[in-house]
Amino acid sequence: MRHLTKTNRVLLALLGLVLLGGGLLVLASGADLYRRWNLTPPAGWPLTAPHDVLIPRADQARWGDQGWWWVAATAALALLLLLALTWLLSQPRRRPRQLSVGDTPGDDVRVNGHALGQALTTELDVLPGVRRSRARFFGPSTRPRVRIDLTLEPGGTPEHVLTDLRDAVDRARSSAGWDQLPKEVRLGVARHGPHRAE
C-alpha cells in the first residue's frame, strides 16, 4: 500500500509538472511575454507569439486529409481515458465515516469509524510493551480493514505484542459482528533515552 501511494505521488507530481509547463508555455505565448520582456526563446521553441499554434498549419492540412488519422487520434484519447479511469479506481479508498456493525439481517446499525478507531487505540495503548498506538479503519463500510501503527517500548518483544494485538483485533471484529477484519500493522520502536555513566 505504501509503495502504491509513493508511486502515485511521483506520477502525479510528474503529470503536474508537465501540465504546469504546458500551461506556462501557452500563457507566455498568449500574453506575448517574450516580446514585452525582450526575451529570446531557444531556436525551434513552440508558441512564441500570440498567433502561433501548437501544430503548424501545413501539418494540420496534411494530417486532416488522412482518413486514418482521426481514428488513431480518437483511439489514443480513448485509451488515455481508460488508463486514467483504471488508475482512479485502483486508488485506496478513503476512511469511512460510518461503519456498519451487527450481524442481524435487515438491521443497519452504524457507528462512527473514528470513534471505533479510538476505542481500539485505547485498548492497544494498555498492552504490555506498547508505548503508543494508532488504529484507523479504511475501505467499504461493510467490509472495512484496519491499519495499526504500534510503537514498542525499547527492549520490547514483538512476538508477545503481536499475539496481544491479534486478540484485541479479534475482539473488535467479533464485537462489531464482522466475519473478517483484515489488518495492516506497522511496528516501530521508541528511542532509548540517553544513558548517563556514573
Protein backbone atom coordinates (compact mmCIF):
# COMPACT_ATOMS: atom_id res chain seq x y z
CA MET A 1 0.00 0.00 0.00
CA ARG A 2 2.79 2.40 0.91
CA HIS A 3 4.62 1.60 -2.36
CA LEU A 4 1.42 2.28 -4.32
CA THR A 5 1.00 5.63 -2.56
CA LYS A 6 4.59 6.68 -3.31
CA THR A 7 4.25 5.66 -6.96
CA ASN A 8 1.01 7.63 -7.26
CA ARG A 9 2.62 10.70 -5.75
CA VAL A 10 5.59 10.53 -8.13
CA LEU A 11 3.35 10.05 -11.17
CA LEU A 12 1.02 12.84 -10.09
CA ALA A 13 3.99 15.14 -9.49
CA LEU A 14 5.39 14.40 -12.97
CA LEU A 15 1.99 14.86 -14.59
CA GLY A 16 1.54 18.12 -12.67
CA LEU A 17 4.93 19.41 -13.83
CA VAL A 18 4.12 18.58 -17.46
CA LEU A 19 0.74 20.29 -17.26
CA LEU A 20 2.22 23.29 -15.43
CA GLY A 21 4.98 23.63 -18.05
CA GLY A 22 2.46 23.40 -20.89
CA GLY A 23 0.19 25.95 -19.25
CA LEU A 24 3.06 28.39 -18.70
CA LEU A 25 4.13 27.94 -22.32
CA VAL A 26 0.64 28.76 -23.59
CA LEU A 27 0.33 31.67 -21.14
CA ALA A 28 3.65 33.16 -22.22
CA SER A 29 2.66 32.90 -25.88
CA GLY A 30 -0.88 34.22 -25.45
CA ALA A 31 0.21 37.19 -23.35
CA ASP A 32 3.11 37.90 -25.76
CA LEU A 33 5.54 37.89 -22.82
CA TYR A 34 8.60 37.19 -24.98
CA ARG A 35 8.18 40.46 -26.87
CA ARG A 36 7.10 42.51 -23.83
CA TRP A 37 10.04 41.36 -21.70
CA ASN A 38 12.54 41.35 -24.59
CA LEU A 39 13.21 37.63 -24.17
CA THR A 40 14.63 35.43 -26.92
CA PRO A 41 13.28 31.89 -26.76
CA PRO A 42 15.50 28.99 -27.88
CA ALA A 43 15.52 28.09 -31.58
CA GLY A 44 12.58 25.89 -32.51
CA TRP A 45 10.70 26.83 -29.34
CA PRO A 46 6.94 26.40 -29.92
CA LEU A 47 4.36 29.09 -29.21
CA THR A 48 6.46 32.22 -29.10
CA ALA A 49 3.81 34.69 -30.31
CA PRO A 50 0.04 35.08 -29.81
CA HIS A 51 -0.75 33.96 -33.39
CA ASP A 52 1.35 30.73 -33.13
CA VAL A 53 -0.34 27.33 -32.93
CA LEU A 54 0.98 24.11 -31.45
CA ILE A 55 0.58 22.12 -34.69
CA PRO A 56 1.72 24.07 -37.80
CA ARG A 57 -0.97 24.74 -40.39
CA ALA A 58 0.84 22.66 -43.03
CA ASP A 59 0.79 19.64 -40.72
CA GLN A 60 -2.85 20.28 -39.86
CA ALA A 61 -3.77 20.21 -43.57
CA ARG A 62 -1.62 17.15 -44.27
CA TRP A 63 -2.98 15.07 -41.34
CA GLY A 64 -6.53 16.33 -41.79
CA ASP A 65 -6.65 14.75 -45.27
CA GLN A 66 -5.65 11.33 -43.92
CA GLY A 67 -8.72 9.26 -43.01
CA TRP A 68 -6.88 7.00 -40.56
CA TRP A 69 -5.52 9.94 -38.55
CA TRP A 70 -8.88 10.73 -36.92
CA VAL A 71 -9.39 7.08 -35.97
CA ALA A 72 -5.89 6.88 -34.46
CA ALA A 73 -6.32 10.15 -32.55
CA THR A 74 -9.72 9.05 -31.18
CA ALA A 75 -8.36 5.62 -30.19
CA ALA A 76 -5.37 7.21 -28.43
CA LEU A 77 -7.62 9.58 -26.47
CA ALA A 78 -9.99 6.73 -25.56
CA LEU A 79 -7.03 4.64 -24.34
CA LEU A 80 -5.77 7.58 -22.31
CA LEU A 81 -9.20 7.99 -20.74
CA LEU A 82 -9.39 4.26 -19.96
CA LEU A 83 -5.97 4.32 -18.30
CA ALA A 84 -6.94 7.36 -16.23
CA LEU A 85 -10.16 5.67 -15.07
CA THR A 86 -8.26 2.47 -14.21
CA TRP A 87 -5.77 4.50 -12.18
CA LEU A 88 -8.59 6.31 -10.39
CA LEU A 89 -10.44 3.10 -9.50
CA SER A 90 -7.26 1.44 -8.21
CA GLN A 91 -6.66 4.15 -5.60
CA PRO A 92 -7.04 3.26 -1.92
CA ARG A 93 -10.42 4.25 -0.59
CA ARG A 94 -10.81 6.95 1.98
CA ARG A 95 -11.65 6.26 5.56
CA PRO A 96 -15.36 5.58 6.02
CA ARG A 97 -17.20 7.96 8.32
CA GLN A 98 -19.72 5.34 9.37
CA LEU A 99 -19.15 1.59 9.75
CA SER A 100 -21.92 -0.99 9.57
CA VAL A 101 -21.91 -3.28 12.60
CA GLY A 102 -24.05 -6.18 13.77
CA ASP A 103 -24.83 -9.50 12.19
CA THR A 104 -28.61 -9.38 12.29
CA PRO A 105 -30.05 -9.45 8.75
CA GLY A 106 -32.11 -6.41 7.93
CA ASP A 107 -30.63 -4.31 10.73
CA ASP A 108 -28.47 -1.40 9.66
CA VAL A 109 -26.57 -0.28 12.75
CA ARG A 110 -23.77 2.17 12.13
CA VAL A 111 -21.06 3.56 14.35
CA ASN A 112 -18.60 6.37 13.81
CA GLY A 113 -15.41 4.95 12.24
CA HIS A 114 -13.21 7.44 14.08
CA ALA A 115 -14.78 6.51 17.42
CA LEU A 116 -14.26 2.82 16.75
CA GLY A 117 -10.63 3.51 15.85
CA GLN A 118 -10.19 5.47 19.08
CA ALA A 119 -11.69 2.62 21.09
CA LEU A 120 -9.29 0.12 19.54
CA THR A 121 -6.38 2.55 20.05
CA THR A 122 -7.26 2.86 23.74
CA GLU A 123 -7.22 -0.92 24.10
CA LEU A 124 -3.91 -1.24 22.28
CA ASP A 125 -2.26 1.52 24.34
CA VAL A 126 -2.53 -0.58 27.53
CA LEU A 127 -0.92 -3.70 26.04
CA PRO A 128 2.37 -4.66 27.73
CA GLY A 129 5.35 -3.46 25.71
CA VAL A 130 3.41 -0.81 23.74
CA ARG A 131 4.43 2.83 24.15
CA ARG A 132 1.71 4.24 21.86
CA SER A 133 -0.60 3.10 19.10
CA ARG A 134 -3.00 4.35 16.47
CA ALA A 135 -5.79 2.41 14.78
CA ARG A 136 -7.66 3.67 11.70
CA PHE A 137 -10.34 1.99 9.62
CA PHE A 138 -10.31 2.08 5.82
CA GLY A 139 -12.29 0.59 2.99
CA PRO A 140 -16.01 -0.01 2.46
CA SER A 141 -18.24 0.50 5.48
CA THR A 142 -19.50 -3.10 5.36
CA ARG A 143 -16.06 -4.73 4.86
CA PRO A 144 -13.50 -2.41 6.46
CA ARG A 145 -9.86 -3.06 7.12
CA VAL A 146 -7.81 -1.63 9.95
CA ARG A 147 -4.37 -0.04 9.80
CA ILE A 148 -2.48 -0.09 13.09
CA ASP A 149 0.68 1.82 13.93
CA LEU A 150 2.45 0.50 17.03
CA THR A 151 5.45 1.99 18.79
CA LEU A 152 7.06 -0.55 21.09
CA GLU A 153 8.94 0.15 24.27
CA PRO A 154 12.71 -0.21 23.94
CA GLY A 155 13.59 -3.84 24.57
CA GLY A 156 10.01 -5.00 23.98
CA THR A 157 9.28 -8.38 22.39
CA PRO A 158 7.32 -8.03 19.15
CA GLU A 159 6.13 -11.64 19.29
CA HIS A 160 4.18 -11.13 22.53
CA VAL A 161 2.86 -7.76 21.41
CA LEU A 162 1.62 -9.18 18.11
CA THR A 163 -0.16 -12.01 19.92
CA ASP A 164 -1.94 -9.50 22.19
CA LEU A 165 -2.66 -7.31 19.16
CA ARG A 166 -4.27 -10.23 17.30
CA ASP A 167 -6.51 -10.90 20.30
CA ALA A 168 -7.53 -7.22 20.55
CA VAL A 169 -8.39 -7.03 16.84
CA ASP A 170 -10.35 -10.29 17.09
CA ARG A 171 -12.36 -8.84 19.97
CA ALA A 172 -13.08 -5.70 17.93
CA ARG A 173 -14.10 -7.82 14.95
CA SER A 174 -16.42 -10.07 16.93
CA SER A 175 -17.97 -7.18 18.88
CA ALA A 176 -18.77 -5.42 15.59
CA GLY A 177 -20.24 -8.62 14.12
CA TRP A 178 -17.84 -8.79 11.15
CA ASP A 179 -16.81 -12.10 9.62
CA GLN A 180 -13.32 -10.80 8.99
CA LEU A 181 -11.24 -7.71 9.66
CA PRO A 182 -8.04 -7.54 7.59
CA LYS A 183 -5.27 -5.67 9.34
CA GLU A 184 -2.10 -3.92 8.33
CA VAL A 185 0.36 -3.46 11.19
CA ARG A 186 3.37 -1.17 11.16
CA LEU A 187 5.82 -1.57 14.02
CA GLY A 188 8.30 0.92 15.34
CA VAL A 189 10.48 1.05 18.44
CA ALA A 190 10.73 4.05 20.72
CA ARG A 191 14.18 5.54 21.03
CA HIS A 192 16.25 4.91 24.10
CA GLY A 193 16.82 7.88 26.34
CA PRO A 194 20.45 8.94 26.85
CA HIS A 195 22.29 6.80 29.39
CA ARG A 196 24.39 8.56 31.98
CA ALA A 197 27.54 6.92 33.26
CA GLU A 198 28.12 7.50 36.92
